[in-house]
Amino acid sequence: MNKSTYVGAVVLTLALTLIYASVANAQNVTTNASNAMGNASAKANNTIGNASAKANNTAANLMNKTEDLGKKIAGGLGSLLGNASQKLKEGSK
């Protein structure tokens, strides 16, 4: 009776140890997968944020250049109209 009780206790202990190890391993795998997904999500968000910032910067630069070009055109037209007006005044004298 003592020998069978001892063997039963050892078998039960081994079974519980194996079950605990499997559960702990499964939790580690789940945690690692969750961390990997979190890292991938963070990298994707960072990439999207950088792309968005670059697009905004490009759009701002384009708007600035367009504004500068518009000012040059308007200035040139003003000068041209001023010259034409002066010529008309001189011609009417």
PDB file of N, CA and C in Angstrom:
ATOM      1  N   MET A   1       0.825  -1.187   0.000  1.00  0.00           N
ATOM      2  CA  MET A   1       0.000   0.000   0.000  1.00  0.00           C
ATOM      3  C   MET A   1       0.867   1.248   0.000  1.00  0.00           C
ATOM      4  N   ASN A   2       1.937   1.242   0.775  1.00  0.00           N
ATOM      5  CA  ASN A   2       2.823   2.388   0.831  1.00  0.00           C
ATOM      6  C   ASN A   2       3.487   2.649  -0.514  1.00  0.00           C
ATOM      7  N   LYS A   3       3.908   1.607  -1.197  1.00  0.00           N
ATOM      8  CA  LYS A   3       4.579   1.753  -2.475  1.00  0.00           C
ATOM      9  C   LYS A   3       3.623   2.316  -3.510  1.00  0.00           C
ATOM     10  N   SER A   4       2.390   1.850  -3.579  1.00  0.00           N
ATOM     11  CA  SER A   4       1.423   2.339  -4.562  1.00  0.00           C
ATOM     12  C   SER A   4       1.031   3.793  -4.250  1.00  0.00           C
ATOM     13  N   THR A   5       0.956   4.152  -2.988  1.00  0.00           N
ATOM     14  CA  THR A   5       0.658   5.542  -2.620  1.00  0.00           C
ATOM     15  C   THR A   5       1.798   6.452  -3.055  1.00  0.00           C
ATOM     16  N   TYR A   6       3.019   5.989  -2.836  1.00  0.00           N
ATOM     17  CA  TYR A   6       4.192   6.765  -3.232  1.00  0.00           C
ATOM     18  C   TYR A   6       4.225   6.948  -4.748  1.00  0.00           C
ATOM     19  N   VAL A   7       4.006   5.886  -5.501  1.00  0.00           N
ATOM     20  CA  VAL A   7       4.020   5.955  -6.964  1.00  0.00           C
ATOM     21  C   VAL A   7       2.895   6.869  -7.445  1.00  0.00           C
ATOM     22  N   GLY A   8       1.729   6.765  -6.850  1.00  0.00           N
ATOM     23  CA  GLY A   8       0.602   7.622  -7.223  1.00  0.00           C
ATOM     24  C   GLY A   8       0.916   9.098  -6.967  1.00  0.00           C
ATOM     25  N   ALA A   9       1.537   9.376  -5.832  1.00  0.00           N
ATOM     26  CA  ALA A   9       1.887  10.764  -5.509  1.00  0.00           C
ATOM     27  C   ALA A   9       2.918  11.307  -6.492  1.00  0.00           C
ATOM     28  N   VAL A  10       3.894  10.487  -6.861  1.00  0.00           N
ATOM     29  CA  VAL A  10       4.911  10.917  -7.823  1.00  0.00           C
ATOM     30  C   VAL A  10       4.281  11.166  -9.183  1.00  0.00           C
ATOM     31  N   VAL A  11       3.403  10.260  -9.626  1.00  0.00           N
ATOM     32  CA  VAL A  11       2.735  10.415 -10.919  1.00  0.00           C
ATOM     33  C   VAL A  11       1.867  11.673 -10.915  1.00  0.00           C
ATOM     34  N   LEU A  12       1.129  11.896  -9.835  1.00  0.00           N
ATOM     35  CA  LEU A  12       0.273  13.076  -9.727  1.00  0.00           C
ATOM     36  C   LEU A  12       1.122  14.352  -9.739  1.00  0.00           C
ATOM     37  N   THR A  13       2.239  14.330  -9.037  1.00  0.00           N
ATOM     38  CA  THR A  13       3.134  15.495  -9.016  1.00  0.00           C
ATOM     39  C   THR A  13       3.689  15.784 -10.407  1.00  0.00           C
ATOM     40  N   LEU A  14       4.118  14.735 -11.097  1.00  0.00           N
ATOM     41  CA  LEU A  14       4.635  14.915 -12.452  1.00  0.00           C
ATOM     42  C   LEU A  14       3.551  15.444 -13.387  1.00  0.00           C
ATOM     43  N   ALA A  15       2.339  14.918 -13.270  1.00  0.00           N
ATOM     44  CA  ALA A  15       1.237  15.365 -14.117  1.00  0.00           C
ATOM     45  C   ALA A  15       0.940  16.850 -13.881  1.00  0.00           C
ATOM     46  N   LEU A  16       0.884  17.244 -12.617  1.00  0.00           N
ATOM     47  CA  LEU A  16       0.619  18.649 -12.305  1.00  0.00           C
ATOM     48  C   LEU A  16       1.752  19.556 -12.794  1.00  0.00           C
ATOM     49  N   THR A  17       2.976  19.086 -12.690  1.00  0.00           N
ATOM     50  CA  THR A  17       4.126  19.866 -13.167  1.00  0.00           C
ATOM     51  C   THR A  17       4.056  20.060 -14.676  1.00  0.00           C
ATOM     52  N   LEU A  18       3.712  18.996 -15.391  1.00  0.00           N
ATOM     53  CA  LEU A  18       3.602  19.089 -16.851  1.00  0.00           C
ATOM     54  C   LEU A  18       2.455  20.018 -17.264  1.00  0.00           C
ATOM     55  N   ILE A  19       1.345  19.938 -16.557  1.00  0.00           N
ATOM     56  CA  ILE A  19       0.206  20.812 -16.869  1.00  0.00           C
ATOM     57  C   ILE A  19       0.588  22.273 -16.606  1.00  0.00           C
ATOM     58  N   TYR A  20       1.226  22.534 -15.465  1.00  0.00           N
ATOM     59  CA  TYR A  20       1.634  23.894 -15.128  1.00  0.00           C
ATOM     60  C   TYR A  20       2.624  24.437 -16.163  1.00  0.00           C
ATOM     61  N   ALA A  21       3.587  23.604 -16.566  1.00  0.00           N
ATOM     62  CA  ALA A  21       4.586  24.039 -17.547  1.00  0.00           C
ATOM     63  C   ALA A  21       3.920  24.354 -18.880  1.00  0.00           C
ATOM     64  N   SER A  22       2.946  23.563 -19.275  1.00  0.00           N
ATOM     65  CA  SER A  22       2.245  23.810 -20.539  1.00  0.00           C
ATOM     66  C   SER A  22       1.460  25.117 -20.482  1.00  0.00           C
ATOM     67  N   VAL A  23       0.782  25.358 -19.371  1.00  0.00           N
ATOM     68  CA  VAL A  23       0.011  26.601 -19.217  1.00  0.00           C
ATOM     69  C   VAL A  23       0.949  27.802 -19.213  1.00  0.00           C
ATOM     70  N   ALA A  24       2.049  27.698 -18.482  1.00  0.00           N
ATOM     71  CA  ALA A  24       3.004  28.813 -18.421  1.00  0.00           C
ATOM     72  C   ALA A  24       3.591  29.078 -19.792  1.00  0.00           C
ATOM     73  N   ASN A  25       3.909  28.033 -20.531  1.00  0.00           N
ATOM     74  CA  ASN A  25       4.451  28.191 -21.880  1.00  0.00           C
ATOM     75  C   ASN A  25       3.423  28.828 -22.802  1.00  0.00           C
ATOM     76  N   ALA A  26       2.169  28.407 -22.698  1.00  0.00           N
ATOM     77  CA  ALA A  26       1.111  28.980 -23.525  1.00  0.00           C
ATOM     78  C   ALA A  26       0.939  30.467 -23.215  1.00  0.00           C
ATOM     79  N   GLN A  27       1.045  30.841 -21.950  1.00  0.00           N
ATOM     80  CA  GLN A  27       0.926  32.259 -21.586  1.00  0.00           C
ATOM     81  C   GLN A  27       2.090  33.058 -22.169  1.00  0.00           C
ATOM     82  N   ASN A  28       3.292  32.486 -22.153  1.00  0.00           N
ATOM     83  CA  ASN A  28       4.447  33.172 -22.736  1.00  0.00           C
ATOM     84  C   ASN A  28       4.281  33.348 -24.236  1.00  0.00           C
ATOM     85  N   VAL A  29       3.792  32.319 -24.900  1.00  0.00           N
ATOM     86  CA  VAL A  29       3.576  32.409 -26.342  1.00  0.00           C
ATOM     87  C   VAL A  29       2.549  33.490 -26.646  1.00  0.00           C
ATOM     88  N   THR A  30       1.477  33.529 -25.868  1.00  0.00           N
ATOM     89  CA  THR A  30       0.442  34.548 -26.071  1.00  0.00           C
ATOM     90  C   THR A  30       0.999  35.937 -25.817  1.00  0.00           C
ATOM     91  N   THR A  31       1.761  36.086 -24.750  1.00  0.00           N
ATOM     92  CA  THR A  31       2.363  37.394 -24.436  1.00  0.00           C
ATOM     93  C   THR A  31       3.316  37.820 -25.537  1.00  0.00           C
ATOM     94  N   ASN A  32       4.146  36.898 -26.005  1.00  0.00           N
ATOM     95  CA  ASN A  32       5.096  37.222 -27.074  1.00  0.00           C
ATOM     96  C   ASN A  32       4.367  37.621 -28.354  1.00  0.00           C
ATOM     97  N   ALA A  33       3.307  36.897 -28.699  1.00  0.00           N
ATOM     98  CA  ALA A  33       2.536  37.234 -29.896  1.00  0.00           C
ATOM     99  C   ALA A  33       1.875  38.597 -29.745  1.00  0.00           C
ATOM    100  N   SER A  34       1.359  38.874 -28.572  1.00  0.00           N
ATOM    101  CA  SER A  34       0.726  40.167 -28.308  1.00  0.00           C
ATOM    102  C   SER A  34       1.751  41.291 -28.407  1.00  0.00           C
ATOM    103  N   ASN A  35       2.924  41.085 -27.842  1.00  0.00           N
ATOM    104  CA  ASN A  35       3.986  42.093 -27.932  1.00  0.00           C
ATOM    105  C   ASN A  35       4.414  42.315 -29.376  1.00  0.00           C
ATOM    106  N   ALA A  36       4.523  41.239 -30.136  1.00  0.00           N
ATOM    107  CA  ALA A  36       4.921  41.361 -31.536  1.00  0.00           C
ATOM    108  C   ALA A  36       3.880  42.164 -32.316  1.00  0.00           C
ATOM    109  N   MET A  37       2.608  41.906 -32.051  1.00  0.00           N
ATOM    110  CA  MET A  37       1.549  42.655 -32.737  1.00  0.00           C
ATOM    111  C   MET A  37       1.582  44.122 -32.312  1.00  0.00           C
ATOM    112  N   GLY A  38       1.813  44.368 -31.035  1.00  0.00           N
ATOM    113  CA  GLY A  38       1.904  45.744 -30.560  1.00  0.00           C
ATOM    114  C   GLY A  38       3.067  46.481 -31.206  1.00  0.00           C
ATOM    115  N   ASN A  39       4.202  45.798 -31.315  1.00  0.00           N
ATOM    116  CA  ASN A  39       5.375  46.412 -31.952  1.00  0.00           C
ATOM    117  C   ASN A  39       5.117  46.679 -33.433  1.00  0.00           C
ATOM    118  N   ALA A  40       4.486  45.730 -34.107  1.00  0.00           N
ATOM    119  CA  ALA A  40       4.179  45.917 -35.525  1.00  0.00           C
ATOM    120  C   ALA A  40       3.211  47.074 -35.714  1.00  0.00           C
ATOM    121  N   SER A  41       2.235  47.168 -34.834  1.00  0.00           N
ATOM    122  CA  SER A  41       1.263  48.262 -34.911  1.00  0.00           C
ATOM    123  C   SER A  41       1.948  49.602 -34.665  1.00  0.00           C
ATOM    124  N   ALA A  42       2.826  49.651 -33.694  1.00  0.00           N
ATOM    125  CA  ALA A  42       3.552  50.896 -33.398  1.00  0.00           C
ATOM    126  C   ALA A  42       4.416  51.311 -34.583  1.00  0.00           C
ATOM    127  N   LYS A  43       5.091  50.337 -35.203  1.00  0.00           N
ATOM    128  CA  LYS A  43       5.922  50.648 -36.366  1.00  0.00           C
ATOM    129  C   LYS A  43       5.070  51.142 -37.526  1.00  0.00           C
ATOM    130  N   ALA A  44       3.918  50.507 -37.737  1.00  0.00           N
ATOM    131  CA  ALA A  44       3.023  50.941 -38.814  1.00  0.00           C
ATOM    132  C   ALA A  44       2.521  52.351 -38.551  1.00  0.00           C
ATOM    133  N   ASN A  45       2.134  52.637 -37.311  1.00  0.00           N
ATOM    134  CA  ASN A  45       1.673  53.978 -36.973  1.00  0.00           C
ATOM    135  C   ASN A  45       2.782  55.003 -37.170  1.00  0.00           C
ATOM    136  N   ASN A  46       3.994  54.630 -36.796  1.00  0.00           N
ATOM    137  CA  ASN A  46       5.128  55.536 -36.963  1.00  0.00           C
ATOM    138  C   ASN A  46       5.397  55.803 -38.439  1.00  0.00           C
ATOM    139  N   THR A  47       5.329  54.754 -39.250  1.00  0.00           N
ATOM    140  CA  THR A  47       5.553  54.899 -40.690  1.00  0.00           C
ATOM    141  C   THR A  47       4.486  55.792 -41.306  1.00  0.00           C
ATOM    142  N   ILE A  48       3.233  55.553 -40.918  1.00  0.00           N
ATOM    143  CA  ILE A  48       2.134  56.368 -41.442  1.00  0.00           C
ATOM    144  C   ILE A  48       2.289  57.815 -40.994  1.00  0.00           C
ATOM    145  N   GLY A  49       2.668  58.008 -39.735  1.00  0.00           N
ATOM    146  CA  GLY A  49       2.873  59.364 -39.226  1.00  0.00           C
ATOM    147  C   GLY A  49       3.976  60.089 -39.975  1.00  0.00           C
ATOM    148  N   ASN A  50       5.081  59.378 -40.246  1.00  0.00           N
ATOM    149  CA  ASN A  50       6.180  59.989 -41.000  1.00  0.00           C
ATOM    150  C   ASN A  50       5.758  60.323 -42.422  1.00  0.00           C
ATOM    151  N   ALA A  51       5.022  59.412 -43.053  1.00  0.00           N
ATOM    152  CA  ALA A  51       4.553  59.664 -44.415  1.00  0.00           C
ATOM    153  C   ALA A  51       3.603  60.853 -44.441  1.00  0.00           C
ATOM    154  N   SER A  52       2.740  60.928 -43.450  1.00  0.00           N
ATOM    155  CA  SER A  52       1.800  62.045 -43.365  1.00  0.00           C
ATOM    156  C   SER A  52       2.537  63.364 -43.161  1.00  0.00           C
ATOM    157  N   ALA A  53       3.527  63.357 -42.291  1.00  0.00           N
ATOM    158  CA  ALA A  53       4.307  64.581 -42.044  1.00  0.00           C
ATOM    159  C   ALA A  53       5.033  65.016 -43.309  1.00  0.00           C
ATOM    160  N   LYS A  54       5.596  64.063 -44.045  1.00  0.00           N
ATOM    161  CA  LYS A  54       6.296  64.395 -45.286  1.00  0.00           C
ATOM    162  C   LYS A  54       5.321  64.941 -46.323  1.00  0.00           C
ATOM    163  N   ALA A  55       4.144  64.334 -46.407  1.00  0.00           N
ATOM    164  CA  ALA A  55       3.136  64.817 -47.356  1.00  0.00           C
ATOM    165  C   ALA A  55       2.696  66.224 -46.985  1.00  0.00           C
ATOM    166  N   ASN A  56       2.489  66.483 -45.700  1.00  0.00           N
ATOM    167  CA  ASN A  56       2.112  67.823 -45.258  1.00  0.00           C
ATOM    168  C   ASN A  56       3.212  68.832 -45.567  1.00  0.00           C
ATOM    169  N   ASN A  57       4.454  68.440 -45.344  1.00  0.00           N
ATOM    170  CA  ASN A  57       5.580  69.318 -45.621  1.00  0.00           C
ATOM    171  C   ASN A  57       5.673  69.621 -47.109  1.00  0.00           C
ATOM    172  N   THR A  58       5.488  68.593 -47.932  1.00  0.00           N
ATOM    173  CA  THR A  58       5.529  68.777 -49.379  1.00  0.00           C
ATOM    174  C   THR A  58       4.404  69.698 -49.832  1.00  0.00           C
ATOM    175  N   ALA A  59       3.213  69.488 -49.297  1.00  0.00           N
ATOM    176  CA  ALA A  59       2.074  70.339 -49.665  1.00  0.00           C
ATOM    177  C   ALA A  59       2.316  71.780 -49.237  1.00  0.00           C
ATOM    178  N   ALA A  60       2.883  71.976 -48.047  1.00  0.00           N
ATOM    179  CA  ALA A  60       3.170  73.331 -47.572  1.00  0.00           C
ATOM    180  C   ALA A  60       4.208  74.008 -48.465  1.00  0.00           C
ATOM    181  N   ASN A  61       5.241  73.252 -48.846  1.00  0.00           N
ATOM    182  CA  ASN A  61       6.257  73.810 -49.744  1.00  0.00           C
ATOM    183  C   ASN A  61       5.662  74.173 -51.092  1.00  0.00           C
ATOM    184  N   LEU A  62       4.807  73.319 -51.592  1.00  0.00           N
ATOM    185  CA  LEU A  62       4.161  73.579 -52.877  1.00  0.00           C
ATOM    186  C   LEU A  62       3.283  74.831 -52.801  1.00  0.00           C
ATOM    187  N   MET A  63       2.554  74.962 -51.697  1.00  0.00           N
ATOM    188  CA  MET A  63       1.706  76.152 -51.525  1.00  0.00           C
ATOM    189  C   MET A  63       2.565  77.416 -51.441  1.00  0.00           C
ATOM    190  N   ASN A  64       3.679  77.340 -50.733  1.00  0.00           N
ATOM    191  CA  ASN A  64       4.568  78.504 -50.632  1.00  0.00           C
ATOM    192  C   ASN A  64       5.132  78.890 -51.992  1.00  0.00           C
ATOM    193  N   LYS A  65       5.549  77.898 -52.762  1.00  0.00           N
ATOM    194  CA  LYS A  65       6.097  78.189 -54.087  1.00  0.00           C
ATOM    195  C   LYS A  65       5.016  78.735 -55.011  1.00  0.00           C
ATOM    196  N   THR A  66       3.804  78.195 -54.893  1.00  0.00           N
ATOM    197  CA  THR A  66       2.693  78.695 -55.700  1.00  0.00           C
ATOM    198  C   THR A  66       2.376  80.136 -55.330  1.00  0.00           C
ATOM    199  N   GLU A  67       2.407  80.429 -54.037  1.00  0.00           N
ATOM    200  CA  GLU A  67       2.151  81.796 -53.585  1.00  0.00           C
ATOM    201  C   GLU A  67       3.232  82.742 -54.106  1.00  0.00           C
ATOM    202  N   ASP A  68       4.498  82.315 -54.027  1.00  0.00           N
ATOM    203  CA  ASP A  68       5.592  83.141 -54.538  1.00  0.00           C
ATOM    204  C   ASP A  68       5.445  83.385 -56.032  1.00  0.00           C
ATOM    205  N   LEU A  69       5.093  82.343 -56.763  1.00  0.00           N
ATOM    206  CA  LEU A  69       4.907  82.479 -58.207  1.00  0.00           C
ATOM    207  C   LEU A  69       3.750  83.432 -58.502  1.00  0.00           C
ATOM    208  N   GLY A  70       2.657  83.307 -57.747  1.00  0.00           N
ATOM    209  CA  GLY A  70       1.512  84.204 -57.931  1.00  0.00           C
ATOM    210  C   GLY A  70       1.897  85.654 -57.686  1.00  0.00           C
ATOM    211  N   LYS A  71       2.701  85.881 -56.650  1.00  0.00           N
ATOM    212  CA  LYS A  71       3.152  87.248 -56.362  1.00  0.00           C
ATOM    213  C   LYS A  71       4.020  87.788 -57.500  1.00  0.00           C
ATOM    214  N   LYS A  72       4.892  86.949 -58.047  1.00  0.00           N
ATOM    215  CA  LYS A  72       5.737  87.392 -59.157  1.00  0.00           C
ATOM    216  C   LYS A  72       4.901  87.720 -60.382  1.00  0.00           C
ATOM    217  N   ILE A  73       3.917  86.862 -60.657  1.00  0.00           N
ATOM    218  CA  ILE A  73       3.046  87.114 -61.818  1.00  0.00           C
ATOM    219  C   ILE A  73       2.267  88.411 -61.613  1.00  0.00           C
ATOM    220  N   ALA A  74       1.698  88.568 -60.404  1.00  0.00           N
ATOM    221  CA  ALA A  74       0.921  89.779 -60.120  1.00  0.00           C
ATOM    222  C   ALA A  74       1.820  91.020 -60.204  1.00  0.00           C
ATOM    223  N   GLY A  75       3.022  90.922 -59.671  1.00  0.00           N
ATOM    224  CA  GLY A  75       3.958  92.048 -59.744  1.00  0.00           C
ATOM    225  C   GLY A  75       4.331  92.375 -61.173  1.00  0.00           C
ATOM    226  N   GLY A  76       4.558  91.337 -61.951  1.00  0.00           N
ATOM    227  CA  GLY A  76       4.905  91.538 -63.363  1.00  0.00           C
ATOM    228  C   GLY A  76       3.749  92.157 -64.134  1.00  0.00           C
ATOM    229  N   LEU A  77       2.536  91.687 -63.848  1.00  0.00           N
ATOM    230  CA  LEU A  77       1.365  92.257 -64.529  1.00  0.00           C
ATOM    231  C   LEU A  77       1.162  93.712 -64.125  1.00  0.00           C
ATOM    232  N   GLY A  78       1.374  93.996 -62.833  1.00  0.00           N
ATOM    233  CA  GLY A  78       1.248  95.382 -62.378  1.00  0.00           C
ATOM    234  C   GLY A  78       2.240  96.285 -63.083  1.00  0.00           C
ATOM    235  N   SER A  79       3.464  95.813 -63.196  1.00  0.00           N
ATOM    236  CA  SER A  79       4.491  96.587 -63.883  1.00  0.00           C
ATOM    237  C   SER A  79       4.144  96.753 -65.351  1.00  0.00           C
ATOM    238  N   LEU A  80       3.679  95.698 -65.986  1.00  0.00           N
ATOM    239  CA  LEU A  80       3.306  95.742 -67.396  1.00  0.00           C
ATOM    240  C   LEU A  80       2.159  96.716 -67.627  1.00  0.00           C
ATOM    241  N   LEU A  81       1.136  96.647 -66.752  1.00  0.00           N
ATOM    242  CA  LEU A  81       0.004  97.558 -66.886  1.00  0.00           C
ATOM    243  C   LEU A  81       0.431  99.000 -66.621  1.00  0.00           C
ATOM    244  N   GLY A  82       1.329  99.168 -65.645  1.00  0.00           N
ATOM    245  CA  GLY A  82       1.841 100.522 -65.378  1.00  0.00           C
ATOM    246  C   GLY A  82       2.577 101.078 -66.583  1.00  0.00           C
ATOM    247  N   ASN A  83       3.393 100.263 -67.214  1.00  0.00           N
ATOM    248  CA  ASN A  83       4.124 100.698 -68.410  1.00  0.00           C
ATOM    249  C   ASN A  83       3.168 101.000 -69.552  1.00  0.00           C
ATOM    250  N   ALA A  84       2.180 100.137 -69.729  1.00  0.00           N
ATOM    251  CA  ALA A  84       1.200 100.368 -70.800  1.00  0.00           C
ATOM    252  C   ALA A  84       0.425 101.638 -70.553  1.00  0.00           C
ATOM    253  N   SER A  85       0.055 101.872 -69.309  1.00  0.00           N
ATOM    254  CA  SER A  85      -0.675 103.078 -68.961  1.00  0.00           C
ATOM    255  C   SER A  85       0.185 104.321 -69.224  1.00  0.00           C
ATOM    256  N   GLN A  86       1.451 104.225 -68.874  1.00  0.00           N
ATOM    257  CA  GLN A  86       2.375 105.347 -69.112  1.00  0.00           C
ATOM    258  C   GLN A  86       2.510 105.622 -70.602  1.00  0.00           C
ATOM    259  N   LYS A  87       2.598 104.566 -71.403  1.00  0.00           N
ATOM    260  CA  LYS A  87       2.723 104.728 -72.854  1.00  0.00           C
ATOM    261  C   LYS A  87       1.473 105.384 -73.423  1.00  0.00           C
ATOM    262  N   LEU A  88       0.300 104.960 -72.925  1.00  0.00           N
ATOM    263  CA  LEU A  88      -0.941 105.563 -73.392  1.00  0.00           C
ATOM    264  C   LEU A  88      -1.005 107.044 -73.054  1.00  0.00           C
ATOM    265  N   LYS A  89      -0.573 107.390 -71.838  1.00  0.00           N
ATOM    266  CA  LYS A  89      -0.566 108.806 -71.432  1.00  0.00           C
ATOM    267  C   LYS A  89       0.375 109.618 -72.316  1.00  0.00           C
ATOM    268  N   GLU A  90       1.563 109.037 -72.590  1.00  0.00           N
ATOM    269  CA  GLU A  90       2.528 109.727 -73.409  1.00  0.00           C
ATOM    270  C   GLU A  90       2.025 109.862 -74.846  1.00  0.00           C
ATOM    271  N   GLY A  91       1.329 108.847 -75.333  1.00  0.00           N
ATOM    272  CA  GLY A  91       0.815 108.875 -76.694  1.00  0.00           C
ATOM    273  C   GLY A  91      -0.338 109.848 -76.875  1.00  0.00           C
ATOM    274  N   SER A  92      -1.086 110.116 -75.803  1.00  0.00           N
ATOM    275  CA  SER A  92      -2.248 110.999 -75.919  1.00  0.00           C
ATOM    276  C   SER A  92      -1.875 112.464 -75.801  1.00  0.00           C
ATOM    277  N   LYS A  93      -0.630 112.770 -75.503  1.00  0.00           N
ATOM    278  CA  LYS A  93      -0.211 114.174 -75.352  1.00  0.00           C
ATOM    279  C   LYS A  93       0.063 114.800 -76.668  1.00  0.00           C
TER     280      LYS A  93
END
